[in-house]
Amino acid sequence: MSEHLITAIRVEKLFGLYTYRLPQDGAFSNASILYGDNGAGKSTILRIAFHLLSAAENRRHRTQLHKADFKKFEVDLVSGVTLSASRNDKLPNILSLTITKNGKILVIWDYQPERKSEFSSYFEGKEFSVVYGRDGSSRMVKKSGSMDKEDQSIPRGEDAYMEVLRKNVPTVFILNSDRRLDSDSVSDPSDEMELRKVMRYEEPKRINDLVVRSREIALSQAMSLAARWIGKKAIQGANQGSMNVHSVYVDVLRHVLTPQQNPDEQASDVNASLLPLLKPFGRLYLMEDEAQRLYDREAFDIPDAVTIICNDNHRSPRSVCQVINALSLASTPIISKSPYQGEQPEFRSYNSDAALIKQTELAVNALLEQGFAIKDIVILTGRGHSKSKLLNAERLGRFTTRRFTGSFTRDGNPVWSDGELTVESIYRFKGQSAPAIILSEVDFTELTDKERRKLFVGMTRAQLNLQVVLSDQAEACFASALG
């Protein structure tokens, strides 16, 4: 099997706006990174590709494809196979799914979702298509050209499409934004009952078949449980400040992929664990931001590596970047690339818990007066869950708070309280952003490197506006840093 599966992805009118050819030239390498602004469609593209390449009929893949907002989506495989999903403006409820190989059409399926629509049925003829409405009406749609004999010989329909899809596409996996592994090979809870049904109710099977199937189910369940465990540990670690999400995956890779060695001989860092795994001419890419290193882990240091340093900031308003540079929160000044200047961040000080709550409420009200919706405001705290007043408050002013409860579902997903105003820790919100950020419970007696990194992460979460609520002693440290 080839080292990589997908060579290119093309999408037209994603969200009705964006048209991409990925990569712009050539083909994807073994490991590729999609980089772009928030809302550009990076995660959506990956999800659409996952559903387009997945063959299971009980995982709602075609339903999710139909719900996605695009005009045309194509995925090229290294085998020469291209999978395509497209819409016709005249038949908006039909998603045309096509599989070709080296330019030859293998199968076509005009997919319609099972949910009710304005169309009751659909007929495709040689020179026209007819759509029958639920009210008894019909509509004829003329095609641009008639089908020749070769067109008539192309297999069509769901059964033919699913058969070709299974033959030409291997099982694919996707790691969701909530760190949950998904694949047709990852079991769902009903799989536990599958073997019992096979053994008890179906036709007698050869014992070898039962053994093989039982092993498949066991492996599938093990993969599912492992994915849940990894996701849960990552979220728990980030919440407690003991490790972050990336640390969990690195540790898992190190323990799973590194050959067994004497404990005294085992590699002490990530470099020694991953570099030996590279094949000849393989490449290893590592991305690190020293200014956002919230955890007590050593920086990467790879001998003879090519290092590219970039201090550009595309997310934060220029006014926020100016404050970051004035306080020397990063070792080198950051360069704002945002076209938006933004309002100057507002600082509010407190000297008691009551004043902390009051000043945070005032910051919320100030943002509301500027026109921000409550859903666009996120309060980030510099304290952990056990010491934070805000993370344990059910209300803030007239608003209920949406907070992580500290519990997880069986799938390892965090459980949130019902509320209007999101309150979260800096650690857990790293990697995310919001239009308006209130950085609260900022309290320290010395502006150490760790405090600088926490402030840097918290401030750069703001897309449009930043408010800072800090203690009197933290305010004195700021004044000292500004000279």
Protein backbone atom coordinates (compact mmCIF):
# COMPACT_ATOMS: atom_id res chain seq x y z
CA MET A 1 0.00 0.00 0.00
CA SER A 2 1.22 3.54 -0.78
CA GLU A 3 2.69 5.68 1.97
CA HIS A 4 -0.09 8.22 1.51
CA LEU A 5 -3.66 7.99 0.28
CA ILE A 6 -4.83 11.47 -0.76
CA THR A 7 -2.89 13.43 -3.37
CA ALA A 8 -5.15 16.46 -3.78
CA ILE A 9 -8.42 18.03 -2.63
CA ARG A 10 -10.49 20.55 -4.60
CA VAL A 11 -13.54 22.41 -3.34
CA GLU A 12 -15.75 25.01 -4.99
CA LYS A 13 -17.89 27.53 -3.11
CA LEU A 14 -17.28 26.23 0.43
CA PHE A 15 -19.80 28.12 2.61
CA GLY A 16 -20.73 29.79 -0.68
CA LEU A 17 -17.46 31.76 -0.50
CA TYR A 18 -14.21 29.83 -0.81
CA THR A 19 -12.68 27.85 -3.68
CA TYR A 20 -9.51 25.89 -2.92
CA ARG A 21 -7.08 23.59 -4.69
CA LEU A 22 -5.01 21.76 -2.07
CA PRO A 23 -2.11 21.77 -2.52
CA GLN A 24 -1.87 24.61 -5.01
CA ASP A 25 0.75 22.69 -6.98
CA GLY A 26 1.73 19.04 -7.12
CA ALA A 27 0.43 16.53 -4.58
CA PHE A 28 0.22 16.14 -0.82
CA SER A 29 3.30 14.69 0.87
CA ASN A 30 3.21 12.01 3.58
CA ALA A 31 2.36 14.62 6.23
CA SER A 32 0.61 17.85 5.27
CA ILE A 33 -0.59 20.82 7.30
CA LEU A 34 -3.64 22.92 6.41
CA TYR A 35 -2.95 26.44 7.62
CA GLY A 36 -5.37 29.35 7.48
CA ASP A 37 -7.44 31.88 9.37
CA ASN A 38 -10.25 30.88 11.70
CA GLY A 39 -13.39 30.16 9.71
CA ALA A 40 -11.51 29.47 6.46
CA GLY A 41 -12.80 25.88 6.46
CA LYS A 42 -9.79 23.76 7.49
CA SER A 43 -11.70 21.38 9.77
CA THR A 44 -14.74 21.37 7.47
CA ILE A 45 -12.61 20.27 4.50
CA LEU A 46 -11.16 17.38 6.50
CA ARG A 47 -14.61 16.27 7.71
CA ILE A 48 -16.08 16.39 4.19
CA ALA A 49 -13.15 14.37 2.82
CA PHE A 50 -13.58 11.83 5.65
CA HIS A 51 -17.29 11.36 4.90
CA LEU A 52 -16.67 11.19 1.15
CA LEU A 53 -14.07 8.43 1.58
CA SER A 54 -16.00 6.38 4.15
CA ALA A 55 -18.12 3.45 2.99
CA ALA A 56 -20.11 2.43 6.09
CA GLU A 57 -23.84 2.68 5.48
CA ASN A 58 -24.85 3.11 9.13
CA ARG A 59 -22.66 6.11 10.04
CA ARG A 60 -24.62 8.85 8.21
CA HIS A 61 -21.69 9.71 5.92
CA ARG A 62 -23.86 10.64 2.93
CA THR A 63 -26.23 12.60 5.18
CA GLN A 64 -23.33 14.67 6.51
CA LEU A 65 -22.08 15.26 2.97
CA HIS A 66 -25.50 16.50 1.94
CA LYS A 67 -25.63 18.90 4.90
CA ALA A 68 -22.21 20.42 4.14
CA ASP A 69 -22.25 23.78 2.36
CA PHE A 70 -20.30 23.45 -0.90
CA LYS A 71 -21.00 23.33 -4.64
CA LYS A 72 -18.39 20.74 -5.62
CA PHE A 73 -15.86 18.68 -3.67
CA GLU A 74 -13.26 16.35 -5.18
CA VAL A 75 -10.60 14.09 -3.64
CA ASP A 76 -7.82 12.58 -5.74
CA LEU A 77 -6.22 9.34 -4.53
CA VAL A 78 -2.74 8.07 -5.30
CA SER A 79 -4.32 5.10 -7.12
CA GLY A 80 -5.72 7.41 -9.80
CA VAL A 81 -9.23 7.29 -8.33
CA THR A 82 -11.15 10.56 -7.91
CA LEU A 83 -14.24 10.87 -5.72
CA SER A 84 -16.55 13.77 -6.43
CA ALA A 85 -19.65 15.26 -4.80
CA SER A 86 -21.47 18.07 -6.60
CA ARG A 87 -24.76 19.95 -6.66
CA ASN A 88 -26.95 21.15 -9.50
CA ASP A 89 -28.60 24.51 -8.83
CA LYS A 90 -31.77 23.28 -10.53
CA LEU A 91 -31.94 20.16 -8.30
CA PRO A 92 -30.73 21.46 -4.91
CA ASN A 93 -31.90 18.42 -2.96
CA ILE A 94 -29.78 15.98 -4.99
CA LEU A 95 -26.08 15.41 -4.33
CA SER A 96 -24.37 13.80 -7.31
CA LEU A 97 -21.67 11.34 -6.18
CA THR A 98 -19.22 10.14 -8.82
CA ILE A 99 -16.17 7.87 -8.75
CA THR A 100 -13.71 7.97 -11.64
CA LYS A 101 -10.39 6.24 -12.27
CA ASN A 102 -7.81 7.72 -14.62
CA GLY A 103 -10.54 9.85 -16.18
CA LYS A 104 -13.04 7.01 -16.72
CA ILE A 105 -16.34 7.17 -14.83
CA LEU A 106 -16.82 4.03 -12.73
CA VAL A 107 -20.16 4.80 -11.07
CA ILE A 108 -22.69 7.58 -10.41
CA TRP A 109 -25.18 7.95 -7.57
CA ASP A 110 -27.61 10.85 -7.36
CA TYR A 111 -28.07 10.80 -3.60
CA GLN A 112 -31.21 12.12 -1.90
CA PRO A 113 -31.48 12.27 1.91
CA GLU A 114 -34.13 10.19 3.56
CA ARG A 115 -35.66 13.19 5.30
CA LYS A 116 -38.76 14.72 3.75
CA SER A 117 -38.25 17.33 1.09
CA GLU A 118 -40.19 19.16 -1.57
CA PHE A 119 -39.36 16.29 -3.94
CA SER A 120 -40.99 12.90 -3.63
CA SER A 121 -39.02 11.09 -6.35
CA TYR A 122 -36.57 11.61 -9.16
CA PHE A 123 -36.16 10.05 -12.60
CA GLU A 124 -33.15 10.42 -14.88
CA GLY A 125 -33.58 9.91 -18.59
CA LYS A 126 -31.27 10.14 -21.57
CA GLU A 127 -31.97 13.77 -22.38
CA PHE A 128 -33.88 15.04 -19.35
CA SER A 129 -34.57 14.51 -15.65
CA VAL A 130 -38.02 14.61 -14.05
CA VAL A 131 -38.64 15.67 -10.46
CA TYR A 132 -41.97 14.68 -8.91
CA GLY A 133 -43.30 16.92 -6.13
CA ARG A 134 -45.22 15.75 -3.06
CA ASP A 135 -48.18 17.81 -4.20
CA GLY A 136 -48.45 15.73 -7.38
CA SER A 137 -46.68 18.24 -9.60
CA SER A 138 -43.74 17.39 -11.82
CA ARG A 139 -40.87 19.33 -13.31
CA MET A 140 -38.72 18.42 -16.30
CA VAL A 141 -35.07 19.48 -16.33
CA LYS A 142 -33.41 19.32 -19.74
CA LYS A 143 -29.81 18.12 -19.82
CA SER A 144 -27.05 19.93 -21.64
CA GLY A 145 -26.52 16.95 -23.94
CA SER A 146 -27.89 13.47 -24.49
CA MET A 147 -26.19 10.38 -23.12
CA ASP A 148 -24.27 8.26 -25.57
CA LYS A 149 -23.99 4.49 -25.37
CA GLU A 150 -20.97 4.71 -23.07
CA ASP A 151 -22.94 6.93 -20.66
CA GLN A 152 -25.80 4.45 -20.60
CA SER A 153 -23.41 1.66 -19.62
CA ILE A 154 -22.14 3.47 -16.50
CA PRO A 155 -23.41 1.75 -13.32
CA ARG A 156 -25.74 3.97 -11.30
CA GLY A 157 -27.45 3.97 -7.94
CA GLU A 158 -26.65 3.32 -4.31
CA ASP A 159 -25.70 -0.37 -4.47
CA ALA A 160 -23.34 0.09 -7.40
CA TYR A 161 -21.75 3.17 -5.83
CA MET A 162 -21.15 1.57 -2.43
CA GLU A 163 -19.60 -1.50 -4.06
CA VAL A 164 -17.14 0.60 -6.09
CA LEU A 165 -16.37 2.79 -3.07
CA ARG A 166 -15.50 -0.22 -0.88
CA LYS A 167 -13.26 -1.69 -3.58
CA ASN A 168 -11.27 1.48 -4.21
CA VAL A 169 -10.93 3.23 -0.84
CA PRO A 170 -9.30 1.73 2.29
CA THR A 171 -10.48 2.54 5.81
CA VAL A 172 -9.73 6.14 6.81
CA PHE A 173 -9.48 7.80 10.22
CA ILE A 174 -10.07 11.33 11.44
CA LEU A 175 -9.06 12.87 14.77
CA ASN A 176 -11.83 15.35 15.57
CA SER A 177 -11.34 18.77 17.15
CA ASP A 178 -12.55 17.28 20.45
CA ARG A 179 -9.66 14.77 20.20
CA ARG A 180 -12.00 11.85 19.41
CA LEU A 181 -10.82 9.24 16.91
CA ASP A 182 -13.46 8.38 14.34
CA SER A 183 -13.49 5.71 11.64
CA ASP A 184 -15.73 3.05 10.21
CA SER A 185 -13.45 0.53 11.93
CA VAL A 186 -13.94 2.09 15.36
CA SER A 187 -16.81 0.35 17.01
CA ASP A 188 -19.94 1.82 18.43
CA PRO A 189 -21.58 0.51 21.62
CA SER A 190 -23.85 -1.85 19.67
CA ASP A 191 -20.87 -3.92 18.51
CA GLU A 192 -20.68 -5.61 21.89
CA MET A 193 -23.98 -7.30 21.09
CA GLU A 194 -23.09 -8.20 17.52
CA LEU A 195 -21.18 -11.38 18.25
CA ARG A 196 -23.91 -12.62 20.61
CA LYS A 197 -26.51 -12.14 17.87
CA VAL A 198 -24.35 -13.94 15.32
CA MET A 199 -23.77 -16.89 17.63
CA ARG A 200 -27.31 -17.14 18.96
CA TYR A 201 -29.76 -16.18 16.23
CA GLU A 202 -28.16 -16.35 12.78
CA GLU A 203 -27.40 -19.34 10.61
CA PRO A 204 -24.71 -21.68 11.99
CA LYS A 205 -21.21 -20.42 11.18
CA ARG A 206 -17.90 -22.17 10.88
CA ILE A 207 -16.06 -21.85 14.17
CA ASN A 208 -13.16 -20.16 12.34
CA ASP A 209 -15.51 -17.43 11.08
CA LEU A 210 -16.74 -16.77 14.61
CA VAL A 211 -13.22 -16.59 15.96
CA VAL A 212 -12.12 -14.16 13.25
CA ARG A 213 -15.17 -11.94 13.74
CA SER A 214 -14.78 -11.96 17.51
CA ARG A 215 -11.18 -10.83 17.12
CA GLU A 216 -12.26 -8.05 14.76
CA ILE A 217 -14.84 -6.83 17.26
CA ALA A 218 -12.37 -7.03 20.14
CA LEU A 219 -9.77 -5.03 18.18
CA SER A 220 -12.36 -2.47 17.15
CA GLN A 221 -13.52 -2.02 20.73
CA ALA A 222 -9.92 -1.76 21.94
CA MET A 223 -9.26 1.02 19.42
CA SER A 224 -12.41 2.83 20.52
CA LEU A 225 -11.52 2.56 24.21
CA ALA A 226 -7.95 3.71 23.51
CA ALA A 227 -9.24 6.76 21.63
CA ARG A 228 -11.57 7.63 24.51
CA TRP A 229 -8.80 7.19 27.07
CA ILE A 230 -6.39 9.40 25.12
CA GLY A 231 -8.99 12.12 24.69
CA LYS A 232 -9.96 12.00 28.37
CA LYS A 233 -6.35 12.17 29.56
CA ALA A 234 -5.62 15.05 27.22
CA ILE A 235 -8.57 17.08 28.48
CA GLN A 236 -7.91 16.23 32.12
CA GLY A 237 -4.23 17.06 31.76
CA ALA A 238 -4.92 20.41 30.15
CA ASN A 239 -7.44 21.27 32.86
CA GLN A 240 -5.07 20.39 35.71
CA GLY A 241 -2.06 22.07 34.18
CA SER A 242 0.08 18.94 34.49
CA MET A 243 0.31 18.29 30.74
CA ASN A 244 -1.26 19.54 27.56
CA VAL A 245 -2.99 17.81 24.67
CA HIS A 246 0.14 17.67 22.53
CA SER A 247 2.14 16.16 25.40
CA VAL A 248 -0.34 13.30 25.69
CA TYR A 249 -0.05 12.34 22.01
CA VAL A 250 3.73 12.62 22.06
CA ASP A 251 3.89 10.38 25.13
CA VAL A 252 1.56 7.86 23.51
CA LEU A 253 3.67 7.81 20.34
CA ARG A 254 6.82 7.35 22.39
CA HIS A 255 5.44 4.39 24.34
CA VAL A 256 3.67 2.72 21.42
CA LEU A 257 6.18 3.21 18.61
CA THR A 258 9.56 3.13 20.36
CA PRO A 259 11.07 -0.39 20.52
CA GLN A 260 11.42 -1.92 23.96
CA GLN A 261 14.68 -0.94 25.62
CA ASN A 262 16.32 -1.12 28.95
CA PRO A 263 14.77 1.70 31.06
CA ASP A 264 18.20 3.23 31.52
CA GLU A 265 18.69 3.33 27.75
CA GLN A 266 15.30 4.73 26.79
CA ALA A 267 15.23 8.12 25.11
CA SER A 268 14.66 10.98 27.49
CA ASP A 269 13.19 13.34 24.94
CA VAL A 270 10.85 13.42 21.97
CA ASN A 271 13.64 13.89 19.46
CA ALA A 272 15.31 10.59 20.24
CA SER A 273 11.92 8.83 20.21
CA LEU A 274 10.65 10.07 16.85
CA LEU A 275 13.76 10.63 14.75
CA PRO A 276 14.72 6.91 14.59
CA LEU A 277 11.26 6.16 13.20
CA LEU A 278 11.83 8.23 10.06
CA LYS A 279 12.34 6.29 6.87
CA PRO A 280 15.14 7.27 4.46
CA PHE A 281 14.45 10.76 3.09
CA GLY A 282 11.64 11.14 5.62
CA ARG A 283 10.91 14.54 7.11
CA LEU A 284 9.93 15.60 10.61
CA TYR A 285 8.20 18.94 11.14
CA LEU A 286 7.84 20.42 14.62
CA MET A 287 5.97 23.61 15.43
CA GLU A 288 6.67 25.40 18.69
CA ASP A 289 5.88 28.80 20.17
CA GLU A 290 8.05 29.59 23.16
CA ALA A 291 5.75 32.46 24.14
CA GLN A 292 2.85 29.98 24.53
CA ARG A 293 4.69 27.22 26.39
CA LEU A 294 2.44 26.99 29.45
CA TYR A 295 3.79 23.69 30.69
CA ASP A 296 7.09 22.76 32.31
CA ARG A 297 8.57 20.92 29.37
CA GLU A 298 11.88 21.52 27.66
CA ALA A 299 11.90 23.16 24.25
CA PHE A 300 12.65 21.06 21.16
CA ASP A 301 16.30 20.92 20.13
CA ILE A 302 17.02 18.84 17.03
CA PRO A 303 20.63 18.77 15.82
CA ASP A 304 21.21 19.97 12.24
CA ALA A 305 17.56 20.96 11.88
CA VAL A 306 16.50 23.81 9.61
CA THR A 307 14.86 26.41 11.85
CA ILE A 308 12.33 28.92 10.54
CA ILE A 309 11.36 31.73 12.91
CA CYS A 310 8.21 33.77 12.36
CA ASN A 311 7.00 36.50 14.74
CA ASP A 312 3.92 37.44 12.70
CA ASN A 313 0.52 37.61 14.41
CA HIS A 314 -2.55 37.47 12.15
CA ARG A 315 -5.30 37.03 14.74
CA SER A 316 -5.01 39.82 17.30
CA PRO A 317 -5.82 43.50 16.71
CA ARG A 318 -2.78 45.74 16.40
CA SER A 319 -3.65 47.43 19.69
CA VAL A 320 -3.35 44.11 21.56
CA CYS A 321 0.01 43.36 19.91
CA GLN A 322 1.24 46.79 21.00
CA VAL A 323 0.40 46.00 24.65
CA ILE A 324 2.11 42.60 24.39
CA ASN A 325 5.28 44.23 23.06
CA ALA A 326 5.18 47.02 25.64
CA LEU A 327 5.08 44.46 28.46
CA SER A 328 7.76 42.30 26.76
CA LEU A 329 5.55 39.21 27.04
CA ALA A 330 7.47 37.53 24.20
CA SER A 331 11.25 37.22 23.96
CA THR A 332 11.17 39.12 20.66
CA PRO A 333 8.56 41.69 19.56
CA ILE A 334 5.63 40.25 17.61
CA ILE A 335 4.64 41.78 14.31
CA SER A 336 0.95 42.48 13.86
CA LYS A 337 -0.41 41.51 10.45
CA SER A 338 -4.02 42.27 11.31
CA PRO A 339 -5.69 45.03 9.26
CA TYR A 340 -7.73 45.95 12.36
CA GLN A 341 -6.34 48.44 14.87
CA GLY A 342 -9.01 47.82 17.52
CA GLU A 343 -9.79 49.60 20.75
CA GLN A 344 -7.01 49.97 23.29
CA PRO A 345 -7.30 47.11 25.84
CA GLU A 346 -8.92 48.29 29.07
CA PHE A 347 -7.38 47.36 32.44
CA ARG A 348 -9.48 47.14 35.64
CA SER A 349 -7.90 46.47 39.03
CA TYR A 350 -9.34 44.81 42.16
CA ASN A 351 -8.24 44.36 45.77
CA SER A 352 -10.79 41.81 47.04
CA ASP A 353 -12.92 38.92 45.82
CA ALA A 354 -16.00 41.14 45.81
CA ALA A 355 -14.18 43.75 43.74
CA LEU A 356 -12.98 41.01 41.36
CA ILE A 357 -16.56 39.95 40.63
CA LYS A 358 -17.70 43.57 40.30
CA GLN A 359 -14.90 44.57 37.90
CA THR A 360 -15.49 41.47 35.77
CA GLU A 361 -19.20 42.32 35.55
CA LEU A 362 -18.30 45.86 34.48
CA ALA A 363 -16.04 44.45 31.75
CA VAL A 364 -18.93 42.30 30.46
CA ASN A 365 -21.29 45.29 30.45
CA ALA A 366 -18.73 47.44 28.63
CA LEU A 367 -18.49 44.87 25.85
CA LEU A 368 -22.26 44.57 25.59
CA GLU A 369 -22.53 48.36 25.24
CA GLN A 370 -20.03 48.19 22.38
CA GLY A 371 -22.38 45.83 20.55
CA PHE A 372 -20.91 42.40 21.33
CA ALA A 373 -23.41 39.56 21.83
CA ILE A 374 -23.09 37.57 25.05
CA LYS A 375 -22.19 34.45 23.04
CA ASP A 376 -19.18 36.31 21.58
CA ILE A 377 -17.69 37.07 25.00
CA VAL A 378 -15.41 34.61 26.81
CA ILE A 379 -13.97 35.13 30.29
CA LEU A 380 -10.56 33.54 30.78
CA THR A 381 -9.12 33.09 34.25
CA GLY A 382 -5.49 32.82 35.23
CA ARG A 383 -6.37 30.52 38.13
CA GLY A 384 -7.03 26.80 38.27
CA HIS A 385 -10.46 25.35 38.97
CA SER A 386 -9.84 24.80 42.68
CA LYS A 387 -8.78 28.42 43.33
CA SER A 388 -10.91 30.32 40.87
CA LYS A 389 -13.95 32.28 42.01
CA LEU A 390 -15.22 32.67 38.46
CA LEU A 391 -14.97 29.00 37.45
CA ASN A 392 -17.13 28.11 40.45
CA ALA A 393 -19.70 30.90 40.06
CA GLU A 394 -23.10 29.85 38.71
CA ARG A 395 -23.95 33.43 37.76
CA LEU A 396 -22.13 36.62 36.92
CA GLY A 397 -24.45 39.58 37.19
CA ARG A 398 -27.62 38.81 35.28
CA PHE A 399 -26.06 36.01 33.25
CA THR A 400 -25.73 32.31 34.03
CA THR A 401 -22.28 30.91 33.35
CA ARG A 402 -21.28 28.09 31.02
CA ARG A 403 -18.44 26.22 32.77
CA PHE A 404 -16.60 22.92 32.54
CA THR A 405 -17.99 20.77 35.34
CA GLY A 406 -14.89 18.62 35.78
CA SER A 407 -16.78 15.56 34.56
CA PHE A 408 -16.59 13.64 31.30
CA THR A 409 -18.95 11.51 29.26
CA ARG A 410 -18.18 7.85 28.58
CA ASP A 411 -16.62 8.99 25.32
CA GLY A 412 -14.21 11.28 27.17
CA ASN A 413 -15.97 14.50 26.16
CA PRO A 414 -16.14 17.31 28.74
CA VAL A 415 -19.49 18.05 30.39
CA TRP A 416 -20.52 21.72 30.49
CA SER A 417 -23.05 23.51 32.66
CA ASP A 418 -25.98 25.24 30.97
CA GLY A 419 -25.29 28.95 30.77
CA GLU A 420 -25.10 32.05 28.60
CA LEU A 421 -21.64 33.41 29.44
CA THR A 422 -18.63 31.16 28.87
CA VAL A 423 -16.00 31.08 31.64
CA GLU A 424 -12.86 29.06 31.00
CA SER A 425 -9.24 28.77 32.12
CA ILE A 426 -6.35 30.03 30.00
CA TYR A 427 -4.94 26.51 29.89
CA ARG A 428 -8.08 24.90 28.50
CA PHE A 429 -8.78 27.72 26.02
CA LYS A 430 -5.33 27.59 24.42
CA GLY A 431 -5.67 27.07 20.70
CA GLN A 432 -9.08 28.74 20.58
CA SER A 433 -10.26 32.34 20.18
CA ALA A 434 -13.29 34.59 20.57
CA PRO A 435 -14.33 38.05 19.33
CA ALA A 436 -14.11 39.52 22.84
CA ILE A 437 -11.91 38.24 25.67
CA ILE A 438 -12.00 39.25 29.34
CA LEU A 439 -8.75 38.13 30.96
CA SER A 440 -9.66 38.01 34.65
CA GLU A 441 -8.22 36.80 37.98
CA VAL A 442 -4.80 37.99 36.83
CA ASP A 443 -2.95 37.87 40.13
CA PHE A 444 0.79 37.60 40.79
CA THR A 445 3.51 39.34 42.77
CA GLU A 446 6.23 38.96 40.15
CA LEU A 447 6.08 39.05 36.37
CA THR A 448 7.97 35.79 35.83
CA ASP A 449 8.51 34.10 32.47
CA LYS A 450 5.65 31.71 33.22
CA GLU A 451 3.27 34.60 34.01
CA ARG A 452 4.36 36.33 30.80
CA ARG A 453 3.51 33.24 28.78
CA LYS A 454 0.09 32.92 30.44
CA LEU A 455 -0.65 36.57 29.68
CA PHE A 456 0.55 36.14 26.10
CA VAL A 457 -1.75 33.16 25.53
CA GLY A 458 -4.72 34.87 27.17
CA MET A 459 -4.34 38.17 25.31
CA THR A 460 -3.84 36.59 21.89
CA ARG A 461 -7.17 34.76 22.16
CA ALA A 462 -8.94 38.08 21.42
CA GLN A 463 -10.02 38.65 17.83
CA LEU A 464 -11.49 42.14 18.28
CA ASN A 465 -11.49 43.36 21.88
CA LEU A 466 -9.55 42.67 25.09
CA GLN A 467 -10.41 43.55 28.69
CA VAL A 468 -8.04 42.74 31.58
CA VAL A 469 -9.11 42.44 35.23
CA LEU A 470 -6.04 42.24 37.46
CA SER A 471 -5.14 42.52 41.13
CA ASP A 472 -3.48 45.62 42.58
CA GLN A 473 -0.18 43.76 42.96
CA ALA A 474 -0.28 42.52 39.36
CA GLU A 475 -1.01 46.09 38.27
CA ALA A 476 2.11 47.25 40.16
CA CYS A 477 4.15 44.63 38.29
CA PHE A 478 2.81 45.94 34.99
CA ALA A 479 3.74 49.50 35.97
CA SER A 480 7.27 48.34 36.82
CA ALA A 481 7.61 46.50 33.49
CA LEU A 482 6.52 49.62 31.61
CA GLY A 483 9.13 51.65 33.48
